[in-house]
């Protein structure tokens, strides 16, 4: 059974940093693309960033480009999201997700973590 477990969320002041981790089990993660999505209260879940199977390709949504960095360590079955210069509008539940293809839409990802709360105070 595939499981994705996120960690690293919390409360931080604007301008601060957090690093999220997502560890996968149940199948060889190097065969799958990974992504981070987020969902703020009252809003739809949106793609934040994605990374291809070998890490050679990455995508960032415009609001986080230049501030967030996605990376992966396939030996540890873990993907990371380094978030710098955080803003109050980054407040959301962050979910990691796994897909058989490198994609940009929510429906392409078939396994999801439980989510971790990130709150940025002004």
C-alpha atoms as a PDB file:
ATOM      1  CA  UNK A   1       0.000   0.000   0.000  1.00  0.00           C
ATOM      2  CA  UNK A   2       1.353   3.387  -0.987  1.00  0.00           C
ATOM      3  CA  UNK A   3       1.678   5.931   1.797  1.00  0.00           C
ATOM      4  CA  UNK A   4       2.925   9.501   1.700  1.00  0.00           C
ATOM      5  CA  UNK A   5       3.717  11.161   5.012  1.00  0.00           C
ATOM      6  CA  UNK A   6       4.388  14.886   5.223  1.00  0.00           C
ATOM      7  CA  UNK A   7       6.159  16.712   8.013  1.00  0.00           C
ATOM      8  CA  UNK A   8       7.676  20.099   8.721  1.00  0.00           C
ATOM      9  CA  UNK A   9       4.676  22.403   8.764  1.00  0.00           C
ATOM     10  CA  UNK A  10       4.113  24.979  11.455  1.00  0.00           C
ATOM     11  CA  UNK A  11       3.712  28.621  12.336  1.00  0.00           C
ATOM     12  CA  UNK A  12       6.250  31.137  11.062  1.00  0.00           C
ATOM     13  CA  UNK A  13       6.439  34.897  10.760  1.00  0.00           C
ATOM     14  CA  UNK A  14       6.355  36.584   7.395  1.00  0.00           C
ATOM     15  CA  UNK A  15       9.793  36.524   5.826  1.00  0.00           C
ATOM     16  CA  UNK A  16      10.707  33.300   7.551  1.00  0.00           C
ATOM     17  CA  UNK A  17      11.449  29.842   6.185  1.00  0.00           C
ATOM     18  CA  UNK A  18      10.160  26.301   6.544  1.00  0.00           C
ATOM     19  CA  UNK A  19      11.167  23.006   4.986  1.00  0.00           C
ATOM     20  CA  UNK A  20       8.546  20.381   4.342  1.00  0.00           C
ATOM     21  CA  UNK A  21       9.368  16.718   3.837  1.00  0.00           C
ATOM     22  CA  UNK A  22       7.328  13.937   2.300  1.00  0.00           C
ATOM     23  CA  UNK A  23       8.420  10.334   2.642  1.00  0.00           C
ATOM     24  CA  UNK A  24       6.875   7.698   0.423  1.00  0.00           C
ATOM     25  CA  UNK A  25       6.518   3.979   1.028  1.00  0.00           C
ATOM     26  CA  UNK A  26       4.896   1.106  -0.789  1.00  0.00           C
ATOM     27  CA  UNK A  27       6.441   1.559  -4.218  1.00  0.00           C
ATOM     28  CA  UNK A  28       9.735   2.737  -5.681  1.00  0.00           C
ATOM     29  CA  UNK A  29       9.403   6.501  -5.616  1.00  0.00           C
ATOM     30  CA  UNK A  30      12.094   7.063  -8.239  1.00  0.00           C
ATOM     31  CA  UNK A  31       9.595   5.736 -10.795  1.00  0.00           C
ATOM     32  CA  UNK A  32       7.119   8.497 -10.026  1.00  0.00           C
ATOM     33  CA  UNK A  33       6.848  12.243 -10.305  1.00  0.00           C
ATOM     34  CA  UNK A  34       6.157  14.126  -7.111  1.00  0.00           C
ATOM     35  CA  UNK A  35       4.420  17.400  -6.411  1.00  0.00           C
ATOM     36  CA  UNK A  36       3.316  19.727  -3.671  1.00  0.00           C
ATOM     37  CA  UNK A  37      -0.167  21.172  -3.723  1.00  0.00           C
ATOM     38  CA  UNK A  38      -1.762  23.552  -1.247  1.00  0.00           C
ATOM     39  CA  UNK A  39      -5.262  24.414  -0.210  1.00  0.00           C
ATOM     40  CA  UNK A  40      -6.194  27.588   1.646  1.00  0.00           C
ATOM     41  CA  UNK A  41      -9.538  27.941   3.461  1.00  0.00           C
ATOM     42  CA  UNK A  42     -12.352  28.490   0.998  1.00  0.00           C
ATOM     43  CA  UNK A  43     -10.109  27.956  -2.010  1.00  0.00           C
ATOM     44  CA  UNK A  44      -9.461  25.122  -4.417  1.00  0.00           C
ATOM     45  CA  UNK A  45      -6.407  22.924  -4.105  1.00  0.00           C
ATOM     46  CA  UNK A  46      -3.670  24.264  -6.355  1.00  0.00           C
ATOM     47  CA  UNK A  47      -0.343  23.026  -7.664  1.00  0.00           C
ATOM     48  CA  UNK A  48       2.641  24.687  -6.032  1.00  0.00           C
ATOM     49  CA  UNK A  49       5.540  22.776  -7.566  1.00  0.00           C
ATOM     50  CA  UNK A  50       6.359  19.475  -9.257  1.00  0.00           C
ATOM     51  CA  UNK A  51       9.494  17.448  -9.895  1.00  0.00           C
ATOM     52  CA  UNK A  52      10.132  14.689 -12.409  1.00  0.00           C
ATOM     53  CA  UNK A  53      11.218  11.163 -11.567  1.00  0.00           C
ATOM     54  CA  UNK A  54      14.952  11.860 -11.705  1.00  0.00           C
ATOM     55  CA  UNK A  55      14.683  15.483 -10.590  1.00  0.00           C
ATOM     56  CA  UNK A  56      15.733  16.802 -13.972  1.00  0.00           C
ATOM     57  CA  UNK A  57      12.584  18.847 -14.517  1.00  0.00           C
ATOM     58  CA  UNK A  58      10.799  21.115 -12.107  1.00  0.00           C
ATOM     59  CA  UNK A  59       7.804  23.407 -12.260  1.00  0.00           C
ATOM     60  CA  UNK A  60       6.858  26.268  -9.980  1.00  0.00           C
ATOM     61  CA  UNK A  61       3.626  28.192  -9.809  1.00  0.00           C
ATOM     62  CA  UNK A  62       4.141  31.884 -10.387  1.00  0.00           C
ATOM     63  CA  UNK A  63       3.332  32.984  -6.799  1.00  0.00           C
ATOM     64  CA  UNK A  64       6.171  30.872  -5.366  1.00  0.00           C
ATOM     65  CA  UNK A  65       8.781  31.075  -8.101  1.00  0.00           C
ATOM     66  CA  UNK A  66      12.089  32.295  -6.728  1.00  0.00           C
ATOM     67  CA  UNK A  67      11.051  31.619  -3.115  1.00  0.00           C
ATOM     68  CA  UNK A  68      10.317  27.879  -3.012  1.00  0.00           C
ATOM     69  CA  UNK A  69      12.568  25.016  -4.062  1.00  0.00           C
ATOM     70  CA  UNK A  70      11.533  21.404  -4.601  1.00  0.00           C
ATOM     71  CA  UNK A  71      14.077  18.605  -4.419  1.00  0.00           C
ATOM     72  CA  UNK A  72      14.097  14.871  -3.979  1.00  0.00           C
ATOM     73  CA  UNK A  73      16.338  12.163  -2.573  1.00  0.00           C
ATOM     74  CA  UNK A  74      15.309   8.925  -4.231  1.00  0.00           C
ATOM     75  CA  UNK A  75      17.582   6.883  -1.987  1.00  0.00           C
ATOM     76  CA  UNK A  76      15.450   8.074   0.931  1.00  0.00           C
ATOM     77  CA  UNK A  77      12.139   8.057  -0.978  1.00  0.00           C
ATOM     78  CA  UNK A  78      11.723  11.637   0.162  1.00  0.00           C
ATOM     79  CA  UNK A  79      10.792  14.889  -1.516  1.00  0.00           C
ATOM     80  CA  UNK A  80      11.422  18.258   0.066  1.00  0.00           C
ATOM     81  CA  UNK A  81       9.949  21.717  -0.236  1.00  0.00           C
ATOM     82  CA  UNK A  82      12.167  24.540   0.958  1.00  0.00           C
ATOM     83  CA  UNK A  83      10.047  27.641   1.457  1.00  0.00           C
ATOM     84  CA  UNK A  84      11.791  30.972   1.937  1.00  0.00           C
ATOM     85  CA  UNK A  85      10.529  34.548   2.229  1.00  0.00           C
ATOM     86  CA  UNK A  86       7.162  33.243   3.333  1.00  0.00           C
ATOM     87  CA  UNK A  87       4.123  35.493   3.027  1.00  0.00           C
ATOM     88  CA  UNK A  88       0.757  35.388   4.813  1.00  0.00           C
ATOM     89  CA  UNK A  89      -0.833  34.356   1.518  1.00  0.00           C
ATOM     90  CA  UNK A  90       1.242  31.145   1.628  1.00  0.00           C
ATOM     91  CA  UNK A  91      -0.899  30.012   4.564  1.00  0.00           C
ATOM     92  CA  UNK A  92      -2.539  26.715   3.599  1.00  0.00           C
ATOM     93  CA  UNK A  93      -2.534  22.991   4.109  1.00  0.00           C
ATOM     94  CA  UNK A  94       0.270  21.578   1.982  1.00  0.00           C
ATOM     95  CA  UNK A  95      -0.104  18.141   0.419  1.00  0.00           C
ATOM     96  CA  UNK A  96       2.457  16.017  -1.334  1.00  0.00           C
ATOM     97  CA  UNK A  97       1.293  13.804  -4.167  1.00  0.00           C
ATOM     98  CA  UNK A  98       2.691  11.140  -6.452  1.00  0.00           C
ATOM     99  CA  UNK A  99       2.019  10.445 -10.117  1.00  0.00           C
ATOM    100  CA  UNK A 100       3.096   7.978 -12.783  1.00  0.00           C
ATOM    101  CA  UNK A 101       3.609  10.927 -15.122  1.00  0.00           C
ATOM    102  CA  UNK A 102       5.118  14.388 -14.707  1.00  0.00           C
ATOM    103  CA  UNK A 103       2.038  16.568 -14.795  1.00  0.00           C
ATOM    104  CA  UNK A 104       0.494  19.798 -13.672  1.00  0.00           C
ATOM    105  CA  UNK A 105      -3.085  18.900 -12.875  1.00  0.00           C
ATOM    106  CA  UNK A 106      -4.582  17.547  -9.701  1.00  0.00           C
ATOM    107  CA  UNK A 107      -6.240  14.611 -11.476  1.00  0.00           C
ATOM    108  CA  UNK A 108      -2.886  13.248 -12.666  1.00  0.00           C
ATOM    109  CA  UNK A 109      -1.789  12.498  -9.105  1.00  0.00           C
ATOM    110  CA  UNK A 110      -3.135   9.280  -7.658  1.00  0.00           C
ATOM    111  CA  UNK A 111      -1.631   9.128  -4.184  1.00  0.00           C
ATOM    112  CA  UNK A 112      -1.776  11.888  -1.601  1.00  0.00           C
ATOM    113  CA  UNK A 113      -0.425  12.597   1.832  1.00  0.00           C
ATOM    114  CA  UNK A 114      -2.596  13.692   4.726  1.00  0.00           C
ATOM    115  CA  UNK A 115      -1.432  17.295   4.545  1.00  0.00           C
ATOM    116  CA  UNK A 116       0.549  19.553   6.846  1.00  0.00           C
ATOM    117  CA  UNK A 117      -0.540  23.006   7.976  1.00  0.00           C
ATOM    118  CA  UNK A 118       1.623  26.014   7.178  1.00  0.00           C
ATOM    119  CA  UNK A 119       0.616  29.276   8.816  1.00  0.00           C
ATOM    120  CA  UNK A 120       2.433  32.520   8.088  1.00  0.00           C
ATOM    121  CA  UNK A 121       1.701  35.412  10.417  1.00  0.00           C
ATOM    122  CA  UNK A 122       2.055  39.029   9.372  1.00  0.00           C
END
